[in-house]
PDB file of N, CA and C in Angstrom:
ATOM      1  N   MET A   1       2.374   8.863  21.545  1.00  0.00           N
ATOM      2  CA  MET A   1       2.271   9.333  20.477  1.00  0.00           C
ATOM      3  C   MET A   1       0.789   9.730  19.659  1.00  0.00           C
ATOM      4  N   LYS A   2       0.242  10.445  19.740  1.00  0.00           N
ATOM      5  CA  LYS A   2      -1.239  10.502  19.377  1.00  0.00           C
ATOM      6  C   LYS A   2      -1.512   9.667  17.423  1.00  0.00           C
ATOM      7  N   GLU A   3      -2.254   9.196  17.436  1.00  0.00           N
ATOM      8  CA  GLU A   3      -2.000   8.771  15.797  1.00  0.00           C
ATOM      9  C   GLU A   3      -2.386   9.597  15.391  1.00  0.00           C
ATOM     10  N   MET A   4      -2.215   9.825  13.600  1.00  0.00           N
ATOM     11  CA  MET A   4      -1.875  11.132  12.347  1.00  0.00           C
ATOM     12  C   MET A   4      -2.747  10.749  11.302  1.00  0.00           C
ATOM     13  N   ARG A   5      -3.425  11.663  10.797  1.00  0.00           N
ATOM     14  CA  ARG A   5      -4.374  10.859   9.536  1.00  0.00           C
ATOM     15  C   ARG A   5      -2.864  11.680   8.017  1.00  0.00           C
ATOM     16  N   ILE A   6      -3.404  11.078   7.314  1.00  0.00           N
ATOM     17  CA  ILE A   6      -2.744  11.402   6.369  1.00  0.00           C
ATOM     18  C   ILE A   6      -2.693  12.985   6.019  1.00  0.00           C
ATOM     19  N   GLN A   7      -3.802  13.440   5.891  1.00  0.00           N
ATOM     20  CA  GLN A   7      -3.932  14.983   5.551  1.00  0.00           C
ATOM     21  C   GLN A   7      -2.878  15.450   6.677  1.00  0.00           C
ATOM     22  N   GLN A   8      -3.221  14.950   8.141  1.00  0.00           N
ATOM     23  CA  GLN A   8      -1.982  15.878   9.015  1.00  0.00           C
ATOM     24  C   GLN A   8      -1.003  15.859   8.710  1.00  0.00           C
ATOM     25  N   LEU A   9      -0.582  14.597   8.959  1.00  0.00           N
ATOM     26  CA  LEU A   9       0.793  14.676   7.905  1.00  0.00           C
ATOM     27  C   LEU A   9       2.014  15.061   7.254  1.00  0.00           C
ATOM     28  N   GLU A  10       0.361  15.611   5.957  1.00  0.00           N
ATOM     29  CA  GLU A  10       0.251  16.594   4.995  1.00  0.00           C
ATOM     30  C   GLU A  10       0.381  17.418   5.354  1.00  0.00           C
ATOM     31  N   GLU A  11       0.216  17.894   5.623  1.00  0.00           N
ATOM     32  CA  GLU A  11      -0.063  19.832   6.567  1.00  0.00           C
ATOM     33  C   GLU A  11       1.850  19.943   7.380  1.00  0.00           C
ATOM     34  N   ILE A  12       2.211  18.287   8.107  1.00  0.00           N
ATOM     35  CA  ILE A  12       3.599  18.692   8.647  1.00  0.00           C
ATOM     36  C   ILE A  12       4.577  18.778   8.190  1.00  0.00           C
ATOM     37  N   VAL A  13       4.267  18.627   6.848  1.00  0.00           N
ATOM     38  CA  VAL A  13       4.930  18.612   5.635  1.00  0.00           C
ATOM     39  C   VAL A  13       5.023  19.475   5.204  1.00  0.00           C
ATOM     40  N   GLU A  14       3.936  20.021   3.928  1.00  0.00           N
ATOM     41  CA  GLU A  14       3.507  21.402   3.693  1.00  0.00           C
ATOM     42  C   GLU A  14       4.276  22.384   4.208  1.00  0.00           C
ATOM     43  N   LYS A  15       4.222  22.331   5.731  1.00  0.00           N
ATOM     44  CA  LYS A  15       4.807  23.618   6.868  1.00  0.00           C
ATOM     45  C   LYS A  15       6.207  23.950   6.313  1.00  0.00           C
ATOM     46  N   PHE A  16       6.529  22.292   6.772  1.00  0.00           N
ATOM     47  CA  PHE A  16       7.719  22.098   7.029  1.00  0.00           C
ATOM     48  C   PHE A  16       8.797  22.571   5.589  1.00  0.00           C
ATOM     49  N   CYS A  17       8.505  22.447   4.358  1.00  0.00           N
ATOM     50  CA  CYS A  17       8.772  22.575   2.798  1.00  0.00           C
ATOM     51  C   CYS A  17       8.635  24.354   2.952  1.00  0.00           C
ATOM     52  N   SER A  18       7.995  24.848   3.534  1.00  0.00           N
ATOM     53  CA  SER A  18       6.769  25.676   2.638  1.00  0.00           C
ATOM     54  C   SER A  18       8.339  26.970   3.876  1.00  0.00           C
ATOM     55  N   GLU A  19       8.369  26.512   5.299  1.00  0.00           N
ATOM     56  CA  GLU A  19       9.175  27.615   5.804  1.00  0.00           C
ATOM     57  C   GLU A  19      10.890  27.096   5.834  1.00  0.00           C
ATOM     58  N   ARG A  20      11.066  26.440   4.465  1.00  0.00           N
ATOM     59  CA  ARG A  20      12.176  25.791   4.457  1.00  0.00           C
ATOM     60  C   ARG A  20      12.891  26.811   2.867  1.00  0.00           C
ATOM     61  N   ASP A  21      11.227  27.046   2.064  1.00  0.00           N
ATOM     62  CA  ASP A  21      11.318  27.785   0.503  1.00  0.00           C
ATOM     63  C   ASP A  21      11.978  26.877  -0.157  1.00  0.00           C
ATOM     64  N   TRP A  22      11.584  25.272  -0.233  1.00  0.00           N
ATOM     65  CA  TRP A  22      11.752  24.380  -0.694  1.00  0.00           C
ATOM     66  C   TRP A  22      11.252  23.934  -2.018  1.00  0.00           C
ATOM     67  N   ASP A  23       9.659  24.295  -2.113  1.00  0.00           N
ATOM     68  CA  ASP A  23       8.443  23.973  -3.586  1.00  0.00           C
ATOM     69  C   ASP A  23       9.946  24.172  -4.801  1.00  0.00           C
ATOM     70  N   GLN A  24      10.895  25.034  -4.999  1.00  0.00           N
ATOM     71  CA  GLN A  24      11.069  25.721  -5.828  1.00  0.00           C
ATOM     72  C   GLN A  24      11.779  24.288  -6.074  1.00  0.00           C
ATOM     73  N   PHE A  25      12.584  23.524  -4.859  1.00  0.00           N
ATOM     74  CA  PHE A  25      13.570  22.336  -5.226  1.00  0.00           C
ATOM     75  C   PHE A  25      12.463  20.668  -5.884  1.00  0.00           C
ATOM     76  N   HIS A  26      11.371  20.586  -5.509  1.00  0.00           N
ATOM     77  CA  HIS A  26      10.292  19.698  -5.778  1.00  0.00           C
ATOM     78  C   HIS A  26       9.464  19.579  -6.849  1.00  0.00           C
ATOM     79  N   ASP A  27       9.770  19.271  -7.678  1.00  0.00           N
ATOM     80  CA  ASP A  27       8.589  19.316  -8.867  1.00  0.00           C
ATOM     81  C   ASP A  27       8.643  17.742  -8.954  1.00  0.00           C
ATOM     82  N   PRO A  28       7.564  16.985  -9.449  1.00  0.00           N
ATOM     83  CA  PRO A  28       7.366  15.643  -8.991  1.00  0.00           C
ATOM     84  C   PRO A  28       8.392  14.801  -9.750  1.00  0.00           C
ATOM     85  N   LYS A  29       9.562  14.787 -10.747  1.00  0.00           N
ATOM     86  CA  LYS A  29      10.016  14.530 -11.379  1.00  0.00           C
ATOM     87  C   LYS A  29      11.026  14.106  -9.471  1.00  0.00           C
ATOM     88  N   SER A  30      11.805  14.873  -9.194  1.00  0.00           N
ATOM     89  CA  SER A  30      12.304  15.283  -7.649  1.00  0.00           C
ATOM     90  C   SER A  30      11.987  14.974  -6.371  1.00  0.00           C
ATOM     91  N   LEU A  31      11.075  14.148  -6.513  1.00  0.00           N
ATOM     92  CA  LEU A  31      10.129  14.034  -5.465  1.00  0.00           C
ATOM     93  C   LEU A  31      10.040  12.991  -5.945  1.00  0.00           C
ATOM     94  N   ALA A  32      10.068  12.239  -7.073  1.00  0.00           N
ATOM     95  CA  ALA A  32      10.547  10.737  -7.185  1.00  0.00           C
ATOM     96  C   ALA A  32      11.183  10.519  -6.801  1.00  0.00           C
ATOM     97  N   CYS A  33      12.239  11.311  -7.603  1.00  0.00           N
ATOM     98  CA  CYS A  33      14.082  10.166  -7.149  1.00  0.00           C
ATOM     99  C   CYS A  33      13.802  10.654  -5.477  1.00  0.00           C
ATOM    100  N   LEU A  34      13.658  11.612  -4.624  1.00  0.00           N
ATOM    101  CA  LEU A  34      13.613  11.497  -3.593  1.00  0.00           C
ATOM    102  C   LEU A  34      12.956  10.249  -2.864  1.00  0.00           C
ATOM    103  N   ILE A  35      12.452   9.594  -3.328  1.00  0.00           N
ATOM    104  CA  ILE A  35      11.518   8.188  -3.192  1.00  0.00           C
ATOM    105  C   ILE A  35      12.072   7.164  -3.034  1.00  0.00           C
ATOM    106  N   ILE A  36      12.670   6.798  -4.235  1.00  0.00           N
ATOM    107  CA  ILE A  36      13.624   6.050  -4.641  1.00  0.00           C
ATOM    108  C   ILE A  36      14.930   6.197  -3.778  1.00  0.00           C
ATOM    109  N   THR A  37      15.030   6.764  -3.862  1.00  0.00           N
ATOM    110  CA  THR A  37      16.689   6.938  -3.691  1.00  0.00           C
ATOM    111  C   THR A  37      16.632   7.002  -2.136  1.00  0.00           C
ATOM    112  N   GLU A  38      15.399   7.122  -1.182  1.00  0.00           N
ATOM    113  CA  GLU A  38      14.943   6.898   0.164  1.00  0.00           C
ATOM    114  C   GLU A  38      14.705   5.630   0.509  1.00  0.00           C
ATOM    115  N   ALA A  39      13.878   4.629  -0.763  1.00  0.00           N
ATOM    116  CA  ALA A  39      14.108   3.402  -0.390  1.00  0.00           C
ATOM    117  C   ALA A  39      15.251   2.709  -0.677  1.00  0.00           C
ATOM    118  N   GLY A  40      16.130   3.126  -1.500  1.00  0.00           N
ATOM    119  CA  GLY A  40      17.643   2.506  -1.835  1.00  0.00           C
ATOM    120  C   GLY A  40      17.847   2.625  -0.361  1.00  0.00           C
ATOM    121  N   GLU A  41      18.084   3.632   0.299  1.00  0.00           N
ATOM    122  CA  GLU A  41      18.796   3.006   0.968  1.00  0.00           C
ATOM    123  C   GLU A  41      18.257   2.586   2.482  1.00  0.00           C
ATOM    124  N   LEU A  42      16.722   2.137   2.560  1.00  0.00           N
ATOM    125  CA  LEU A  42      15.823   0.913   3.591  1.00  0.00           C
ATOM    126  C   LEU A  42      16.495  -0.063   2.689  1.00  0.00           C
ATOM    127  N   LEU A  43      16.386  -0.423   2.373  1.00  0.00           N
ATOM    128  CA  LEU A  43      17.093  -1.590   1.240  1.00  0.00           C
ATOM    129  C   LEU A  43      18.588  -2.524   1.746  1.00  0.00           C
ATOM    130  N   GLU A  44      19.376  -0.742   2.490  1.00  0.00           N
ATOM    131  CA  GLU A  44      20.888  -1.401   2.463  1.00  0.00           C
ATOM    132  C   GLU A  44      21.198  -2.216   3.721  1.00  0.00           C
ATOM    133  N   PRO A  45      20.516  -2.342   5.111  1.00  0.00           N
ATOM    134  CA  PRO A  45      20.941  -2.929   6.109  1.00  0.00           C
ATOM    135  C   PRO A  45      21.001  -4.850   5.539  1.00  0.00           C
ATOM    136  N   PHE A  46      19.939  -4.181   4.958  1.00  0.00           N
ATOM    137  CA  PHE A  46      18.922  -5.829   4.511  1.00  0.00           C
ATOM    138  C   PHE A  46      19.756  -6.160   3.040  1.00  0.00           C
ATOM    139  N   ARG A  47      20.249  -5.555   2.957  1.00  0.00           N
ATOM    140  CA  ARG A  47      21.270  -6.501   0.991  1.00  0.00           C
ATOM    141  C   ARG A  47      21.425  -7.323   1.491  1.00  0.00           C
ATOM    142  N   PHE A  48      22.406  -8.416   2.176  1.00  0.00           N
ATOM    143  CA  PHE A  48      23.074  -9.207   2.359  1.00  0.00           C
ATOM    144  C   PHE A  48      22.738  -9.888   3.563  1.00  0.00           C
ATOM    145  N   CYS A  49      21.060 -10.070   3.964  1.00  0.00           N
ATOM    146  CA  CYS A  49      21.060 -10.530   4.687  1.00  0.00           C
ATOM    147  C   CYS A  49      19.837 -11.711   4.339  1.00  0.00           C
ATOM    148  N   SER A  50      19.854 -12.775   4.988  1.00  0.00           N
ATOM    149  CA  SER A  50      18.859 -13.988   4.657  1.00  0.00           C
ATOM    150  C   SER A  50      17.646 -13.116   5.526  1.00  0.00           C
ATOM    151  N   ALA A  51      16.575 -13.904   4.869  1.00  0.00           N
ATOM    152  CA  ALA A  51      14.720 -13.490   5.696  1.00  0.00           C
ATOM    153  C   ALA A  51      14.779 -13.301   6.611  1.00  0.00           C
ATOM    154  N   GLN A  52      15.469 -15.075   6.883  1.00  0.00           N
ATOM    155  CA  GLN A  52      15.965 -14.369   8.652  1.00  0.00           C
ATOM    156  C   GLN A  52      16.707 -14.332   9.421  1.00  0.00           C
ATOM    157  N   GLU A  53      18.031 -13.305   8.956  1.00  0.00           N
ATOM    158  CA  GLU A  53      18.848 -12.524   9.020  1.00  0.00           C
ATOM    159  C   GLU A  53      18.061 -11.446   9.547  1.00  0.00           C
ATOM    160  N   SER A  54      17.282 -10.642   8.551  1.00  0.00           N
ATOM    161  CA  SER A  54      16.777  -9.471   8.240  1.00  0.00           C
ATOM    162  C   SER A  54      15.583  -9.113   9.160  1.00  0.00           C
ATOM    163  N   GLU A  55      14.426  -9.865   9.316  1.00  0.00           N
ATOM    164  CA  GLU A  55      13.835 -10.418  10.655  1.00  0.00           C
ATOM    165  C   GLU A  55      14.519  -9.961  11.893  1.00  0.00           C
ATOM    166  N   GLU A  56      15.907 -10.645  12.265  1.00  0.00           N
ATOM    167  CA  GLU A  56      16.420 -10.719  13.695  1.00  0.00           C
ATOM    168  C   GLU A  56      17.105  -9.255  13.608  1.00  0.00           C
ATOM    169  N   LEU A  57      17.661  -8.809  12.123  1.00  0.00           N
ATOM    170  CA  LEU A  57      18.254  -6.989  12.322  1.00  0.00           C
ATOM    171  C   LEU A  57      17.358  -6.219  13.137  1.00  0.00           C
ATOM    172  N   LEU A  58      16.226  -6.629  12.676  1.00  0.00           N
ATOM    173  CA  LEU A  58      15.750  -5.245  13.179  1.00  0.00           C
ATOM    174  C   LEU A  58      14.574  -5.666  14.628  1.00  0.00           C
ATOM    175  N   ASN A  59      15.556  -6.819  15.590  1.00  0.00           N
ATOM    176  CA  ASN A  59      15.716  -7.148  16.942  1.00  0.00           C
ATOM    177  C   ASN A  59      16.475  -6.297  17.513  1.00  0.00           C
ATOM    178  N   ASP A  60      17.459  -5.444  17.155  1.00  0.00           N
ATOM    179  CA  ASP A  60      18.469  -4.500  17.318  1.00  0.00           C
ATOM    180  C   ASP A  60      17.941  -3.436  17.277  1.00  0.00           C
ATOM    181  N   PRO A  61      17.670  -2.805  18.695  1.00  0.00           N
ATOM    182  CA  PRO A  61      17.777  -1.116  18.894  1.00  0.00           C
ATOM    183  C   PRO A  61      17.959   0.246  17.340  1.00  0.00           C
ATOM    184  N   ILE A  62      19.597  -0.205  17.592  1.00  0.00           N
ATOM    185  CA  ILE A  62      20.131   0.563  16.449  1.00  0.00           C
ATOM    186  C   ILE A  62      19.607   0.502  14.711  1.00  0.00           C
ATOM    187  N   GLN A  63      19.622  -0.732  14.285  1.00  0.00           N
ATOM    188  CA  GLN A  63      19.367  -0.653  13.648  1.00  0.00           C
ATOM    189  C   GLN A  63      17.617  -0.867  13.252  1.00  0.00           C
ATOM    190  N   ARG A  64      16.966  -0.895  14.253  1.00  0.00           N
ATOM    191  CA  ARG A  64      15.687  -1.076  14.506  1.00  0.00           C
ATOM    192  C   ARG A  64      15.377   0.962  14.432  1.00  0.00           C
ATOM    193  N   ARG A  65      16.133   1.675  14.578  1.00  0.00           N
ATOM    194  CA  ARG A  65      15.646   3.224  14.321  1.00  0.00           C
ATOM    195  C   ARG A  65      16.036   3.335  13.160  1.00  0.00           C
ATOM    196  N   ALA A  66      17.300   2.750  12.536  1.00  0.00           N
ATOM    197  CA  ALA A  66      18.073   3.090  11.037  1.00  0.00           C
ATOM    198  C   ALA A  66      16.837   2.794  10.477  1.00  0.00           C
ATOM    199  N   VAL A  67      16.484   1.472  10.409  1.00  0.00           N
ATOM    200  CA  VAL A  67      14.929   1.706   8.670  1.00  0.00           C
ATOM    201  C   VAL A  67      13.838   1.794   9.169  1.00  0.00           C
ATOM    202  N   ALA A  68      12.996   3.033  11.096  1.00  0.00           N
ATOM    203  CA  ALA A  68      12.397   3.709  11.141  1.00  0.00           C
ATOM    204  C   ALA A  68      13.069   5.176  10.593  1.00  0.00           C
ATOM    205  N   GLU A  69      13.265   5.458  10.759  1.00  0.00           N
ATOM    206  CA  GLU A  69      14.495   6.383  10.126  1.00  0.00           C
ATOM    207  C   GLU A  69      14.238   6.293   8.372  1.00  0.00           C
ATOM    208  N   GLU A  70      14.539   5.663   7.360  1.00  0.00           N
ATOM    209  CA  GLU A  70      14.947   5.099   6.261  1.00  0.00           C
ATOM    210  C   GLU A  70      13.135   5.425   6.331  1.00  0.00           C
ATOM    211  N   LEU A  71      12.287   4.792   6.574  1.00  0.00           N
ATOM    212  CA  LEU A  71      11.005   4.212   6.299  1.00  0.00           C
ATOM    213  C   LEU A  71      10.229   6.023   6.808  1.00  0.00           C
ATOM    214  N   SER A  72      10.527   6.531   7.062  1.00  0.00           N
ATOM    215  CA  SER A  72      10.079   7.833   7.753  1.00  0.00           C
ATOM    216  C   SER A  72      10.565   9.073   6.786  1.00  0.00           C
ATOM    217  N   ASP A  73      12.100   8.416   6.266  1.00  0.00           N
ATOM    218  CA  ASP A  73      12.213   9.174   4.649  1.00  0.00           C
ATOM    219  C   ASP A  73      11.152   9.495   3.069  1.00  0.00           C
ATOM    220  N   VAL A  74      11.216   7.720   3.451  1.00  0.00           N
ATOM    221  CA  VAL A  74      10.329   7.722   1.862  1.00  0.00           C
ATOM    222  C   VAL A  74       8.713   8.288   2.583  1.00  0.00           C
ATOM    223  N   LEU A  75       8.410   8.355   3.577  1.00  0.00           N
ATOM    224  CA  LEU A  75       7.352   8.291   3.924  1.00  0.00           C
ATOM    225  C   LEU A  75       7.476  10.407   3.457  1.00  0.00           C
ATOM    226  N   PHE A  76       7.926  10.106   3.537  1.00  0.00           N
ATOM    227  CA  PHE A  76       8.159  12.321   3.839  1.00  0.00           C
ATOM    228  C   PHE A  76       8.139  12.400   2.435  1.00  0.00           C
ATOM    229  N   GLY A  77       9.167  11.641   1.463  1.00  0.00           N
ATOM    230  CA  GLY A  77       8.206  12.081  -0.288  1.00  0.00           C
ATOM    231  C   GLY A  77       7.086  11.837  -0.577  1.00  0.00           C
ATOM    232  N   LEU A  78       6.849  10.498   0.379  1.00  0.00           N
ATOM    233  CA  LEU A  78       5.820  10.580  -0.323  1.00  0.00           C
ATOM    234  C   LEU A  78       4.094  11.554  -0.031  1.00  0.00           C
ATOM    235  N   LEU A  79       4.996  11.937   1.205  1.00  0.00           N
ATOM    236  CA  LEU A  79       3.817  12.815   1.931  1.00  0.00           C
ATOM    237  C   LEU A  79       3.683  14.008   1.054  1.00  0.00           C
ATOM    238  N   ARG A  80       5.280  14.863   0.418  1.00  0.00           N
ATOM    239  CA  ARG A  80       5.486  15.766  -0.171  1.00  0.00           C
ATOM    240  C   ARG A  80       4.594  15.391  -1.582  1.00  0.00           C
ATOM    241  N   ILE A  81       4.283  14.530  -2.737  1.00  0.00           N
ATOM    242  CA  ILE A  81       4.408  14.409  -3.575  1.00  0.00           C
ATOM    243  C   ILE A  81       3.094  15.438  -3.400  1.00  0.00           C
ATOM    244  N   SER A  82       1.811  14.471  -2.426  1.00  0.00           N
ATOM    245  CA  SER A  82       0.706  13.839  -2.673  1.00  0.00           C
ATOM    246  C   SER A  82      -0.107  15.332  -2.298  1.00  0.00           C
ATOM    247  N   GLN A  83       0.873  15.945  -1.673  1.00  0.00           N
ATOM    248  CA  GLN A  83       0.402  17.071  -0.832  1.00  0.00           C
ATOM    249  C   GLN A  83       0.526  18.425  -2.183  1.00  0.00           C
ATOM    250  N   LYS A  84       1.451  18.478  -2.229  1.00  0.00           N
ATOM    251  CA  LYS A  84       2.187  19.253  -3.287  1.00  0.00           C
ATOM    252  C   LYS A  84       1.048  19.642  -4.383  1.00  0.00           C
ATOM    253  N   TYR A  85       0.400  18.174  -5.145  1.00  0.00           N
ATOM    254  CA  TYR A  85       0.026  17.737  -6.072  1.00  0.00           C
ATOM    255  C   TYR A  85      -1.266  17.451  -5.852  1.00  0.00           C
ATOM    256  N   GLN A  86      -1.743  18.010  -5.192  1.00  0.00           N
ATOM    257  CA  GLN A  86      -3.402  16.998  -4.543  1.00  0.00           C
ATOM    258  C   GLN A  86      -3.860  15.446  -4.900  1.00  0.00           C
ATOM    259  N   LEU A  87      -2.989  14.418  -4.442  1.00  0.00           N
ATOM    260  CA  LEU A  87      -2.883  13.319  -5.081  1.00  0.00           C
ATOM    261  C   LEU A  87      -3.709  12.781  -3.583  1.00  0.00           C
ATOM    262  N   ASN A  88      -4.540  12.036  -3.370  1.00  0.00           N
ATOM    263  CA  ASN A  88      -5.474  12.115  -2.147  1.00  0.00           C
ATOM    264  C   ASN A  88      -4.694  10.445  -1.923  1.00  0.00           C
ATOM    265  N   LEU A  89      -3.998  10.370  -0.776  1.00  0.00           N
ATOM    266  CA  LEU A  89      -2.907   8.520  -0.609  1.00  0.00           C
ATOM    267  C   LEU A  89      -4.251   8.109  -0.865  1.00  0.00           C
ATOM    268  N   THR A  90      -5.229   8.459   0.617  1.00  0.00           N
ATOM    269  CA  THR A  90      -6.576   7.451   0.850  1.00  0.00           C
ATOM    270  C   THR A  90      -6.740   6.715  -0.053  1.00  0.00           C
ATOM    271  N   GLU A  91      -7.330   7.748  -0.677  1.00  0.00           N
ATOM    272  CA  GLU A  91      -8.330   6.969  -2.507  1.00  0.00           C
ATOM    273  C   GLU A  91      -7.410   6.354  -3.120  1.00  0.00           C
ATOM    274  N   ALA A  92      -6.544   6.872  -3.748  1.00  0.00           N
ATOM    275  CA  ALA A  92      -5.389   5.723  -4.439  1.00  0.00           C
ATOM    276  C   ALA A  92      -5.258   4.719  -3.714  1.00  0.00           C
ATOM    277  N   PHE A  93      -4.762   5.103  -2.186  1.00  0.00           N
ATOM    278  CA  PHE A  93      -4.664   3.443  -1.855  1.00  0.00           C
ATOM    279  C   PHE A  93      -5.961   2.773  -1.821  1.00  0.00           C
ATOM    280  N   MET A  94      -7.234   2.505  -1.708  1.00  0.00           N
ATOM    281  CA  MET A  94      -8.177   2.392  -1.647  1.00  0.00           C
ATOM    282  C   MET A  94      -9.128   1.814  -2.847  1.00  0.00           C
ATOM    283  N   GLU A  95      -8.762   2.784  -4.049  1.00  0.00           N
ATOM    284  CA  GLU A  95      -8.485   1.934  -5.218  1.00  0.00           C
ATOM    285  C   GLU A  95      -7.493   0.421  -5.418  1.00  0.00           C
ATOM    286  N   LYS A  96      -6.207   1.016  -5.374  1.00  0.00           N
ATOM    287  CA  LYS A  96      -5.125   0.134  -5.671  1.00  0.00           C
ATOM    288  C   LYS A  96      -6.136  -1.180  -5.296  1.00  0.00           C
ATOM    289  N   MET A  97      -5.838  -1.798  -3.328  1.00  0.00           N
ATOM    290  CA  MET A  97      -6.274  -2.552  -3.074  1.00  0.00           C
ATOM    291  C   MET A  97      -7.540  -3.193  -4.042  1.00  0.00           C
ATOM    292  N   LYS A  98      -8.024  -2.398  -4.462  1.00  0.00           N
ATOM    293  CA  LYS A  98      -9.430  -3.051  -5.065  1.00  0.00           C
ATOM    294  C   LYS A  98      -9.130  -3.302  -6.445  1.00  0.00           C
ATOM    295  N   VAL A  99      -8.078  -3.175  -6.748  1.00  0.00           N
ATOM    296  CA  VAL A  99      -7.638  -3.636  -7.952  1.00  0.00           C
ATOM    297  C   VAL A  99      -6.528  -5.143  -7.762  1.00  0.00           C
ATOM    298  N   ASN A 100      -6.021  -5.073  -6.497  1.00  0.00           N
ATOM    299  CA  ASN A 100      -5.114  -5.777  -6.457  1.00  0.00           C
ATOM    300  C   ASN A 100      -6.373  -7.417  -6.076  1.00  0.00           C
ATOM    301  N   GLU A 101      -7.198  -7.185  -5.396  1.00  0.00           N
ATOM    302  CA  GLU A 101      -7.759  -8.164  -4.339  1.00  0.00           C
ATOM    303  C   GLU A 101      -8.802  -8.854  -6.171  1.00  0.00           C
ATOM    304  N   ARG A 102      -8.770  -7.929  -7.315  1.00  0.00           N
ATOM    305  CA  ARG A 102      -8.937  -8.366  -8.918  1.00  0.00           C
ATOM    306  C   ARG A 102      -8.111  -9.318  -9.279  1.00  0.00           C
ATOM    307  N   LYS A 103      -7.067  -8.318  -8.588  1.00  0.00           N
ATOM    308  CA  LYS A 103      -5.713  -9.673  -9.685  1.00  0.00           C
ATOM    309  C   LYS A 103      -5.449 -10.483  -8.850  1.00  0.00           C
ATOM    310  N   TYR A 104      -5.497 -11.255  -7.254  1.00  0.00           N
ATOM    311  CA  TYR A 104      -4.661 -11.867  -6.521  1.00  0.00           C
ATOM    312  C   TYR A 104      -6.289 -11.812  -5.655  1.00  0.00           C
ATOM    313  N   PRO A 105      -7.212 -12.905  -6.392  1.00  0.00           N
ATOM    314  CA  PRO A 105      -8.601 -13.175  -5.686  1.00  0.00           C
ATOM    315  C   PRO A 105      -7.766 -14.576  -4.243  1.00  0.00           C
ATOM    316  N   ILE A 106      -8.620 -14.728  -3.258  1.00  0.00           N
ATOM    317  CA  ILE A 106      -7.721 -15.149  -2.167  1.00  0.00           C
ATOM    318  C   ILE A 106      -7.196 -16.404  -2.457  1.00  0.00           C
ATOM    319  N   SER A 107      -8.783 -17.223  -3.415  1.00  0.00           N
ATOM    320  CA  SER A 107      -8.937 -18.353  -3.656  1.00  0.00           C
ATOM    321  C   SER A 107      -7.279 -19.734  -4.531  1.00  0.00           C
ATOM    322  N   GLN A 108      -6.778 -18.370  -5.459  1.00  0.00           N
ATOM    323  CA  GLN A 108      -5.993 -18.280  -6.260  1.00  0.00           C
ATOM    324  C   GLN A 108      -4.271 -18.024  -5.646  1.00  0.00           C
ATOM    325  N   PHE A 109      -4.095 -17.283  -4.942  1.00  0.00           N
ATOM    326  CA  PHE A 109      -3.236 -16.438  -4.172  1.00  0.00           C
ATOM    327  C   PHE A 109      -2.805 -16.999  -3.059  1.00  0.00           C
ATOM    328  N   LYS A 110      -3.563 -17.399  -2.536  1.00  0.00           N
ATOM    329  CA  LYS A 110      -3.270 -18.088  -0.481  1.00  0.00           C
ATOM    330  C   LYS A 110      -2.212 -18.553  -0.391  1.00  0.00           C
ATOM    331  N   GLY A 111      -1.199 -17.967   0.371  1.00  0.00           N
ATOM    332  CA  GLY A 111       0.159 -18.864   0.113  1.00  0.00           C
ATOM    333  C   GLY A 111       0.980 -18.772  -0.937  1.00  0.00           C
ATOM    334  N   SER A 112       0.969 -18.403  -2.033  1.00  0.00           N
ATOM    335  CA  SER A 112       2.170 -18.032  -2.770  1.00  0.00           C
ATOM    336  C   SER A 112       2.274 -16.528  -3.273  1.00  0.00           C
ATOM    337  N   ASN A 113       3.324 -16.518  -3.187  1.00  0.00           N
ATOM    338  CA  ASN A 113       4.193 -15.704  -3.521  1.00  0.00           C
ATOM    339  C   ASN A 113       4.234 -15.265  -5.279  1.00  0.00           C
ATOM    340  N   ARG A 114       3.482 -15.794  -5.625  1.00  0.00           N
ATOM    341  CA  ARG A 114       3.928 -15.399  -7.662  1.00  0.00           C
ATOM    342  C   ARG A 114       2.899 -14.501  -8.268  1.00  0.00           C
ATOM    343  N   LYS A 115       2.987 -13.239  -8.721  1.00  0.00           N
ATOM    344  CA  LYS A 115       1.998 -12.432  -9.240  1.00  0.00           C
ATOM    345  C   LYS A 115       1.220 -12.734 -10.173  1.00  0.00           C
ATOM    346  N   TYR A 116       1.066 -12.274 -10.459  1.00  0.00           N
ATOM    347  CA  TYR A 116      -1.147 -12.735 -11.021  1.00  0.00           C
ATOM    348  C   TYR A 116      -0.239 -12.884 -12.644  1.00  0.00           C
ATOM    349  N   ASN A 117       0.445 -12.143 -13.013  1.00  0.00           N
ATOM    350  CA  ASN A 117       0.687 -12.886 -14.868  1.00  0.00           C
ATOM    351  C   ASN A 117       1.267 -14.261 -14.843  1.00  0.00           C
ATOM    352  N   GLN A 118       1.614 -14.351 -13.764  1.00  0.00           N
ATOM    353  CA  GLN A 118       2.984 -16.231 -13.839  1.00  0.00           C
ATOM    354  C   GLN A 118       1.803 -17.003 -13.616  1.00  0.00           C
ATOM    355  N   ASP A 119       2.064 -18.062 -14.554  1.00  0.00           N
ATOM    356  CA  ASP A 119       1.234 -18.885 -14.352  1.00  0.00           C
ATOM    357  C   ASP A 119       1.365 -20.107 -13.480  1.00  0.00           C
TER     358      ASP A 119
END
């Protein structure tokens, strides 16, 4: 399958939702709920796993497919809210990465998982 740009994916989502007359159900709050609900479903197979077990889980083709489906559901929600409300995900992501670079300079955070405001 060919690689697609975010805008192309948003167009697919827009067409899918338009054909089903779903605009009426896709206000910002509902879409945010969709994203968090699907993210929770993504967590489910990993919930009682150790870090190592969670990596091993992805070696199982059935579990791997289930995780990919939940990731796709989260992506659908992200694409839909960005498409419907003209939020440029690429631009927002790049700006956020600049913020993260300032918050997490390599010299202070390489190999560390602490939050920027933790001593």
